[in-house]
Amino acid sequence: MPKVGFTLFVAALLSALAAMPARAEVRILGSMGGRVGPFIDLFDEVRASGERVVIDGPCMSACTLVLSVVPNDRICVTRRAVLGFHAARSMDRRGRLYAEPEASELVLEAYPAAVRGWIRRRGGLSSRLLLLRGRELTAIYPSCR
């Protein structure tokens, strides 16, 4: 995700968190991902807030780390939710992407067991995007009420 897009996503989410009464919801309407660190920081704040997370659109790449940070019982999904997983990668000084196998393994191990199993049954994390949605997703996370 471009830095500006991520910054707007974070600003909107943090602004919503500040304005919400306790036990409200945080909605993920769409995120293409981005750098891991800022997402971890953001989801740490969401976890500490006690808010429930409603995934209501695409949550790709680093956005899926919400599953590793926020407790499972505080996450639900709508019919529009789509989670996208791929192997970790970094960019060198020339802008070329390269694989980060150790980081990929750490990320995989941080996901809840049901998500890890789903990813492994599809060949594991690789450069190919794995999409978890529909019935497969609601078999792992409850539909939002």
N, C-alpha and C. Protein backbone atom coordinates (compact mmCIF):
# COMPACT_ATOMS: atom_id res chain seq x y z
N MET A 1 0.86 -1.17 0.00
CA MET A 1 0.00 0.00 0.00
C MET A 1 0.90 1.22 0.00
N PRO A 2 0.61 2.21 -0.84
CA PRO A 2 1.40 3.43 -0.82
C PRO A 2 1.33 4.08 0.56
N LYS A 3 2.41 4.79 0.92
CA LYS A 3 2.49 5.38 2.25
C LYS A 3 1.31 6.31 2.52
N VAL A 4 0.90 7.11 1.53
CA VAL A 4 -0.22 8.03 1.72
C VAL A 4 -1.49 7.25 2.02
N GLY A 5 -1.74 6.17 1.27
CA GLY A 5 -2.93 5.35 1.50
C GLY A 5 -2.93 4.75 2.89
N PHE A 6 -1.78 4.24 3.31
CA PHE A 6 -1.69 3.64 4.64
C PHE A 6 -1.90 4.71 5.71
N THR A 7 -1.30 5.88 5.51
CA THR A 7 -1.44 6.96 6.47
C THR A 7 -2.91 7.35 6.62
N LEU A 8 -3.63 7.46 5.51
CA LEU A 8 -5.05 7.79 5.58
C LEU A 8 -5.84 6.69 6.29
N PHE A 9 -5.50 5.42 6.01
CA PHE A 9 -6.16 4.29 6.65
C PHE A 9 -5.94 4.36 8.17
N VAL A 10 -4.70 4.58 8.58
CA VAL A 10 -4.37 4.64 10.00
C VAL A 10 -5.05 5.84 10.65
N ALA A 11 -4.99 6.99 10.00
CA ALA A 11 -5.60 8.19 10.56
C ALA A 11 -7.10 7.99 10.76
N ALA A 12 -7.76 7.43 9.76
CA ALA A 12 -9.21 7.21 9.87
C ALA A 12 -9.52 6.21 10.97
N LEU A 13 -8.74 5.13 11.05
CA LEU A 13 -8.99 4.12 12.07
C LEU A 13 -8.73 4.67 13.47
N LEU A 14 -7.63 5.39 13.65
CA LEU A 14 -7.33 5.94 14.97
C LEU A 14 -8.33 7.01 15.37
N SER A 15 -8.76 7.80 14.43
CA SER A 15 -9.77 8.81 14.70
C SER A 15 -11.07 8.14 15.13
N ALA A 16 -11.43 7.07 14.45
CA ALA A 16 -12.64 6.34 14.82
C ALA A 16 -12.50 5.73 16.21
N LEU A 17 -11.33 5.20 16.51
CA LEU A 17 -11.11 4.62 17.84
C LEU A 17 -11.27 5.67 18.94
N ALA A 18 -10.73 6.86 18.71
CA ALA A 18 -10.77 7.91 19.72
C ALA A 18 -12.21 8.37 19.97
N ALA A 19 -13.04 8.32 18.95
CA ALA A 19 -14.41 8.82 19.07
C ALA A 19 -15.39 7.77 19.56
N MET A 20 -14.97 6.52 19.67
CA MET A 20 -15.90 5.44 19.99
C MET A 20 -16.03 5.23 21.49
N PRO A 21 -17.24 4.93 21.92
CA PRO A 21 -17.38 4.51 23.32
C PRO A 21 -16.81 3.11 23.47
N ALA A 22 -16.57 2.71 24.70
CA ALA A 22 -16.02 1.37 24.94
C ALA A 22 -16.92 0.31 24.33
N ARG A 23 -16.34 -0.76 23.86
CA ARG A 23 -16.99 -1.93 23.29
C ARG A 23 -17.67 -1.66 21.95
N ALA A 24 -17.23 -0.66 21.22
CA ALA A 24 -17.74 -0.42 19.88
C ALA A 24 -16.96 -1.29 18.90
N GLU A 25 -17.11 -1.01 17.63
CA GLU A 25 -16.46 -1.82 16.59
C GLU A 25 -15.47 -1.00 15.80
N VAL A 26 -14.46 -1.68 15.32
CA VAL A 26 -13.54 -1.13 14.35
C VAL A 26 -13.79 -1.90 13.06
N ARG A 27 -14.07 -1.20 11.97
CA ARG A 27 -14.36 -1.83 10.68
C ARG A 27 -13.19 -1.70 9.75
N ILE A 28 -12.80 -2.83 9.16
CA ILE A 28 -11.82 -2.82 8.08
C ILE A 28 -12.61 -2.91 6.79
N LEU A 29 -12.69 -1.80 6.08
CA LEU A 29 -13.48 -1.74 4.85
C LEU A 29 -12.65 -2.11 3.63
N GLY A 30 -11.34 -1.98 3.74
CA GLY A 30 -10.48 -2.34 2.63
C GLY A 30 -9.05 -1.90 2.90
N SER A 31 -8.14 -2.82 2.77
CA SER A 31 -6.72 -2.52 2.92
C SER A 31 -5.93 -3.47 2.04
N MET A 32 -5.06 -2.91 1.24
CA MET A 32 -4.20 -3.72 0.37
C MET A 32 -2.89 -4.10 1.08
N GLY A 33 -2.74 -3.70 2.32
CA GLY A 33 -1.54 -4.08 3.08
C GLY A 33 -0.51 -2.97 3.08
N GLY A 34 0.73 -3.37 3.24
CA GLY A 34 1.82 -2.40 3.33
C GLY A 34 2.90 -2.93 4.24
N ARG A 35 3.64 -2.03 4.84
CA ARG A 35 4.71 -2.42 5.75
C ARG A 35 4.13 -3.03 7.03
N VAL A 36 4.78 -4.06 7.51
CA VAL A 36 4.29 -4.83 8.65
C VAL A 36 4.28 -4.01 9.94
N GLY A 37 5.34 -3.29 10.24
CA GLY A 37 5.48 -2.58 11.51
C GLY A 37 4.31 -1.67 11.85
N PRO A 38 3.92 -0.78 10.95
CA PRO A 38 2.79 0.10 11.27
C PRO A 38 1.48 -0.66 11.51
N PHE A 39 1.27 -1.77 10.80
CA PHE A 39 0.06 -2.55 11.03
C PHE A 39 0.08 -3.20 12.41
N ILE A 40 1.23 -3.73 12.81
CA ILE A 40 1.34 -4.33 14.14
C ILE A 40 1.05 -3.28 15.20
N ASP A 41 1.64 -2.08 15.06
CA ASP A 41 1.40 -1.01 16.03
C ASP A 41 -0.09 -0.65 16.09
N LEU A 42 -0.70 -0.51 14.94
CA LEU A 42 -2.11 -0.17 14.87
C LEU A 42 -2.97 -1.24 15.53
N PHE A 43 -2.71 -2.51 15.20
CA PHE A 43 -3.54 -3.58 15.75
C PHE A 43 -3.27 -3.80 17.23
N ASP A 44 -2.07 -3.45 17.71
CA ASP A 44 -1.82 -3.46 19.16
C ASP A 44 -2.75 -2.46 19.86
N GLU A 45 -2.92 -1.29 19.25
CA GLU A 45 -3.82 -0.28 19.82
C GLU A 45 -5.27 -0.77 19.80
N VAL A 46 -5.66 -1.41 18.71
CA VAL A 46 -7.02 -1.95 18.62
C VAL A 46 -7.23 -3.01 19.69
N ARG A 47 -6.25 -3.91 19.84
CA ARG A 47 -6.35 -4.95 20.88
C ARG A 47 -6.51 -4.32 22.26
N ALA A 48 -5.68 -3.32 22.55
CA ALA A 48 -5.73 -2.67 23.87
C ALA A 48 -7.04 -1.92 24.09
N SER A 49 -7.68 -1.48 23.03
CA SER A 49 -8.93 -0.72 23.15
C SER A 49 -10.09 -1.60 23.58
N GLY A 50 -9.98 -2.91 23.37
CA GLY A 50 -11.08 -3.81 23.68
C GLY A 50 -12.15 -3.87 22.61
N GLU A 51 -11.94 -3.15 21.52
CA GLU A 51 -12.93 -3.10 20.45
C GLU A 51 -13.00 -4.40 19.68
N ARG A 52 -14.17 -4.66 19.13
CA ARG A 52 -14.35 -5.79 18.22
C ARG A 52 -13.95 -5.33 16.83
N VAL A 53 -13.35 -6.21 16.05
CA VAL A 53 -12.95 -5.90 14.68
C VAL A 53 -13.92 -6.57 13.72
N VAL A 54 -14.49 -5.76 12.84
CA VAL A 54 -15.38 -6.25 11.79
C VAL A 54 -14.61 -6.14 10.48
N ILE A 55 -14.33 -7.28 9.87
CA ILE A 55 -13.68 -7.27 8.56
C ILE A 55 -14.80 -7.25 7.53
N ASP A 56 -14.90 -6.13 6.81
CA ASP A 56 -16.04 -5.87 5.94
C ASP A 56 -15.59 -5.51 4.52
N GLY A 57 -14.52 -6.12 4.08
CA GLY A 57 -13.98 -5.86 2.75
C GLY A 57 -12.64 -6.54 2.64
N PRO A 58 -11.87 -6.20 1.61
CA PRO A 58 -10.56 -6.83 1.44
C PRO A 58 -9.58 -6.44 2.55
N CYS A 59 -8.91 -7.42 3.08
CA CYS A 59 -7.86 -7.24 4.09
C CYS A 59 -6.68 -8.08 3.59
N MET A 60 -5.77 -7.44 2.90
CA MET A 60 -4.70 -8.14 2.21
C MET A 60 -3.36 -7.97 2.91
N SER A 61 -2.51 -8.95 2.72
CA SER A 61 -1.11 -8.86 3.09
C SER A 61 -0.95 -8.51 4.57
N ALA A 62 -0.28 -7.41 4.88
CA ALA A 62 0.00 -7.04 6.28
C ALA A 62 -1.28 -6.78 7.07
N CYS A 63 -2.36 -6.44 6.41
CA CYS A 63 -3.64 -6.24 7.11
C CYS A 63 -4.07 -7.52 7.82
N THR A 64 -3.74 -8.69 7.26
CA THR A 64 -4.15 -9.95 7.87
C THR A 64 -3.50 -10.19 9.22
N LEU A 65 -2.50 -9.39 9.57
CA LEU A 65 -1.87 -9.54 10.88
C LEU A 65 -2.84 -9.21 12.01
N VAL A 66 -3.97 -8.61 11.68
CA VAL A 66 -5.01 -8.40 12.69
C VAL A 66 -5.38 -9.74 13.33
N LEU A 67 -5.32 -10.81 12.55
CA LEU A 67 -5.66 -12.15 13.05
C LEU A 67 -4.67 -12.62 14.10
N SER A 68 -3.44 -12.12 14.03
CA SER A 68 -2.39 -12.52 14.96
C SER A 68 -2.36 -11.66 16.22
N VAL A 69 -2.93 -10.47 16.15
CA VAL A 69 -2.80 -9.51 17.24
C VAL A 69 -4.08 -9.39 18.06
N VAL A 70 -5.22 -9.31 17.40
CA VAL A 70 -6.50 -9.15 18.09
C VAL A 70 -7.05 -10.55 18.41
N PRO A 71 -7.55 -10.76 19.62
CA PRO A 71 -8.07 -12.09 19.97
C PRO A 71 -9.18 -12.54 19.02
N ASN A 72 -9.18 -13.83 18.70
CA ASN A 72 -10.15 -14.41 17.77
C ASN A 72 -11.59 -14.10 18.14
N ASP A 73 -11.89 -14.09 19.44
CA ASP A 73 -13.28 -13.87 19.85
C ASP A 73 -13.73 -12.43 19.69
N ARG A 74 -12.84 -11.56 19.23
CA ARG A 74 -13.19 -10.17 18.96
C ARG A 74 -13.10 -9.83 17.48
N ILE A 75 -13.09 -10.87 16.62
CA ILE A 75 -13.05 -10.66 15.17
C ILE A 75 -14.28 -11.34 14.56
N CYS A 76 -14.95 -10.62 13.66
CA CYS A 76 -16.01 -11.22 12.88
C CYS A 76 -15.87 -10.74 11.44
N VAL A 77 -16.57 -11.41 10.54
CA VAL A 77 -16.44 -11.11 9.11
C VAL A 77 -17.83 -10.93 8.49
N THR A 78 -17.89 -10.10 7.46
CA THR A 78 -19.12 -9.95 6.69
C THR A 78 -18.97 -10.74 5.40
N ARG A 79 -20.03 -10.75 4.60
CA ARG A 79 -19.96 -11.49 3.33
C ARG A 79 -19.01 -10.82 2.34
N ARG A 80 -18.65 -9.56 2.59
CA ARG A 80 -17.69 -8.85 1.72
C ARG A 80 -16.24 -9.07 2.11
N ALA A 81 -16.01 -9.73 3.24
CA ALA A 81 -14.63 -9.92 3.73
C ALA A 81 -13.85 -10.88 2.84
N VAL A 82 -12.62 -10.51 2.57
CA VAL A 82 -11.67 -11.35 1.83
C VAL A 82 -10.31 -11.13 2.48
N LEU A 83 -9.66 -12.21 2.88
CA LEU A 83 -8.32 -12.13 3.45
C LEU A 83 -7.32 -12.63 2.42
N GLY A 84 -6.25 -11.88 2.20
CA GLY A 84 -5.24 -12.26 1.21
C GLY A 84 -3.89 -12.47 1.87
N PHE A 85 -3.32 -13.65 1.65
CA PHE A 85 -2.05 -14.04 2.28
C PHE A 85 -0.99 -14.32 1.21
N HIS A 86 0.25 -13.92 1.49
CA HIS A 86 1.38 -14.27 0.63
C HIS A 86 2.64 -14.27 1.49
N ALA A 87 3.72 -14.76 0.93
CA ALA A 87 5.00 -14.82 1.65
C ALA A 87 5.52 -13.41 1.91
N ALA A 88 6.29 -13.29 2.97
CA ALA A 88 6.93 -12.01 3.29
C ALA A 88 7.97 -11.69 2.24
N ARG A 89 8.10 -10.41 1.97
CA ARG A 89 9.10 -9.97 1.01
C ARG A 89 9.57 -8.58 1.39
N SER A 90 10.76 -8.27 0.93
CA SER A 90 11.35 -6.95 1.18
C SER A 90 11.80 -6.37 -0.14
N MET A 91 12.16 -5.10 -0.08
CA MET A 91 12.62 -4.42 -1.29
C MET A 91 14.06 -3.95 -1.06
N ASP A 92 14.91 -4.21 -2.06
CA ASP A 92 16.30 -3.73 -1.93
C ASP A 92 16.37 -2.26 -2.35
N ARG A 93 17.56 -1.70 -2.29
CA ARG A 93 17.75 -0.27 -2.59
C ARG A 93 17.41 0.09 -4.03
N ARG A 94 17.41 -0.90 -4.89
CA ARG A 94 17.06 -0.65 -6.30
C ARG A 94 15.58 -0.88 -6.59
N GLY A 95 14.81 -1.18 -5.54
CA GLY A 95 13.38 -1.35 -5.72
C GLY A 95 12.97 -2.76 -6.13
N ARG A 96 13.91 -3.71 -6.07
CA ARG A 96 13.58 -5.10 -6.43
C ARG A 96 13.09 -5.85 -5.20
N LEU A 97 12.04 -6.63 -5.38
CA LEU A 97 11.50 -7.44 -4.30
C LEU A 97 12.28 -8.74 -4.17
N TYR A 98 12.47 -9.18 -2.95
CA TYR A 98 13.09 -10.48 -2.70
C TYR A 98 12.39 -11.17 -1.55
N ALA A 99 12.42 -12.49 -1.58
CA ALA A 99 11.73 -13.31 -0.59
C ALA A 99 12.41 -13.22 0.77
N GLU A 100 11.61 -13.34 1.81
CA GLU A 100 12.08 -13.37 3.20
C GLU A 100 11.53 -14.63 3.87
N PRO A 101 12.16 -15.81 3.58
CA PRO A 101 11.59 -17.07 4.08
C PRO A 101 11.46 -17.16 5.60
N GLU A 102 12.44 -16.63 6.34
CA GLU A 102 12.34 -16.70 7.80
C GLU A 102 11.19 -15.85 8.31
N ALA A 103 11.02 -14.67 7.74
CA ALA A 103 9.91 -13.81 8.14
C ALA A 103 8.58 -14.46 7.77
N SER A 104 8.52 -15.11 6.63
CA SER A 104 7.29 -15.81 6.23
C SER A 104 6.92 -16.88 7.24
N GLU A 105 7.90 -17.62 7.72
CA GLU A 105 7.64 -18.67 8.71
C GLU A 105 7.16 -18.07 10.03
N LEU A 106 7.78 -16.96 10.45
CA LEU A 106 7.34 -16.29 11.69
C LEU A 106 5.91 -15.80 11.57
N VAL A 107 5.57 -15.20 10.44
CA VAL A 107 4.21 -14.71 10.22
C VAL A 107 3.23 -15.87 10.24
N LEU A 108 3.56 -16.93 9.53
CA LEU A 108 2.68 -18.10 9.48
C LEU A 108 2.42 -18.64 10.88
N GLU A 109 3.46 -18.76 11.69
CA GLU A 109 3.33 -19.30 13.04
C GLU A 109 2.53 -18.38 13.95
N ALA A 110 2.48 -17.08 13.63
CA ALA A 110 1.73 -16.13 14.46
C ALA A 110 0.23 -16.19 14.20
N TYR A 111 -0.18 -16.69 13.03
CA TYR A 111 -1.61 -16.79 12.74
C TYR A 111 -2.25 -17.84 13.64
N PRO A 112 -3.54 -17.70 13.92
CA PRO A 112 -4.24 -18.74 14.68
C PRO A 112 -4.17 -20.09 13.94
N ALA A 113 -4.27 -21.16 14.69
CA ALA A 113 -4.09 -22.51 14.14
C ALA A 113 -4.99 -22.80 12.94
N ALA A 114 -6.24 -22.39 12.99
CA ALA A 114 -7.16 -22.68 11.88
C ALA A 114 -6.72 -21.98 10.60
N VAL A 115 -6.21 -20.75 10.72
CA VAL A 115 -5.74 -20.00 9.56
C VAL A 115 -4.45 -20.64 9.05
N ARG A 116 -3.55 -20.98 9.96
CA ARG A 116 -2.30 -21.67 9.58
C ARG A 116 -2.59 -22.94 8.81
N GLY A 117 -3.53 -23.73 9.32
CA GLY A 117 -3.89 -24.98 8.65
C GLY A 117 -4.44 -24.73 7.26
N TRP A 118 -5.30 -23.73 7.12
CA TRP A 118 -5.88 -23.39 5.81
C TRP A 118 -4.77 -23.02 4.83
N ILE A 119 -3.83 -22.20 5.28
CA ILE A 119 -2.71 -21.79 4.41
C ILE A 119 -1.85 -23.00 4.04
N ARG A 120 -1.54 -23.83 5.00
CA ARG A 120 -0.70 -25.01 4.72
C ARG A 120 -1.37 -25.97 3.76
N ARG A 121 -2.68 -26.15 3.88
CA ARG A 121 -3.41 -27.04 2.96
C ARG A 121 -3.38 -26.51 1.53
N ARG A 122 -3.07 -25.26 1.35
CA ARG A 122 -2.98 -24.67 0.01
C ARG A 122 -1.55 -24.46 -0.43
N GLY A 123 -0.62 -25.13 0.22
CA GLY A 123 0.78 -25.09 -0.20
C GLY A 123 1.66 -24.13 0.56
N GLY A 124 1.13 -23.43 1.54
CA GLY A 124 1.93 -22.51 2.34
C GLY A 124 2.03 -21.13 1.71
N LEU A 125 2.75 -20.27 2.41
CA LEU A 125 2.94 -18.91 1.93
C LEU A 125 3.96 -18.90 0.80
N SER A 126 3.62 -18.24 -0.28
CA SER A 126 4.52 -18.12 -1.43
C SER A 126 4.24 -16.78 -2.08
N SER A 127 4.80 -16.54 -3.25
CA SER A 127 4.54 -15.29 -3.96
C SER A 127 3.11 -15.25 -4.49
N ARG A 128 2.46 -16.40 -4.57
CA ARG A 128 1.08 -16.47 -5.04
C ARG A 128 0.13 -16.02 -3.93
N LEU A 129 -0.84 -15.18 -4.26
CA LEU A 129 -1.80 -14.68 -3.28
C LEU A 129 -2.87 -15.74 -3.02
N LEU A 130 -3.04 -16.09 -1.75
CA LEU A 130 -4.08 -17.02 -1.33
C LEU A 130 -5.24 -16.20 -0.77
N LEU A 131 -6.45 -16.43 -1.27
CA LEU A 131 -7.62 -15.67 -0.84
C LEU A 131 -8.55 -16.55 -0.01
N LEU A 132 -8.81 -16.11 1.21
CA LEU A 132 -9.72 -16.80 2.12
C LEU A 132 -10.99 -15.95 2.21
N ARG A 133 -12.11 -16.55 1.81
CA ARG A 133 -13.38 -15.81 1.80
C ARG A 133 -14.55 -16.78 1.85
N GLY A 134 -15.73 -16.23 1.89
CA GLY A 134 -16.95 -17.04 1.83
C GLY A 134 -17.06 -18.06 2.94
N ARG A 135 -17.54 -19.24 2.57
CA ARG A 135 -17.78 -20.30 3.56
C ARG A 135 -16.50 -20.75 4.25
N GLU A 136 -15.40 -20.76 3.52
CA GLU A 136 -14.14 -21.16 4.16
C GLU A 136 -13.78 -20.17 5.27
N LEU A 137 -14.02 -18.90 5.03
CA LEU A 137 -13.72 -17.88 6.03
C LEU A 137 -14.68 -17.98 7.22
N THR A 138 -15.96 -18.15 6.94
CA THR A 138 -16.93 -18.22 8.06
C THR A 138 -16.85 -19.55 8.81
N ALA A 139 -16.11 -20.50 8.28
CA ALA A 139 -15.84 -21.72 9.05
C ALA A 139 -14.79 -21.44 10.13
N ILE A 140 -14.03 -20.36 9.96
CA ILE A 140 -12.97 -20.00 10.91
C ILE A 140 -13.39 -18.85 11.82
N TYR A 141 -14.01 -17.83 11.23
CA TYR A 141 -14.46 -16.64 11.96
C TYR A 141 -15.96 -16.49 11.82
N PRO A 142 -16.63 -16.05 12.89
CA PRO A 142 -18.08 -15.92 12.81
C PRO A 142 -18.50 -14.76 11.93
N SER A 143 -19.69 -14.90 11.37
CA SER A 143 -20.30 -13.79 10.64
C SER A 143 -20.71 -12.73 11.67
N CYS A 144 -20.57 -11.47 11.28
CA CYS A 144 -20.92 -10.38 12.18
C CYS A 144 -22.44 -10.32 12.33
N ARG A 145 -22.88 -9.99 13.51
CA ARG A 145 -24.32 -9.84 13.78
C ARG A 145 -24.64 -8.38 13.96
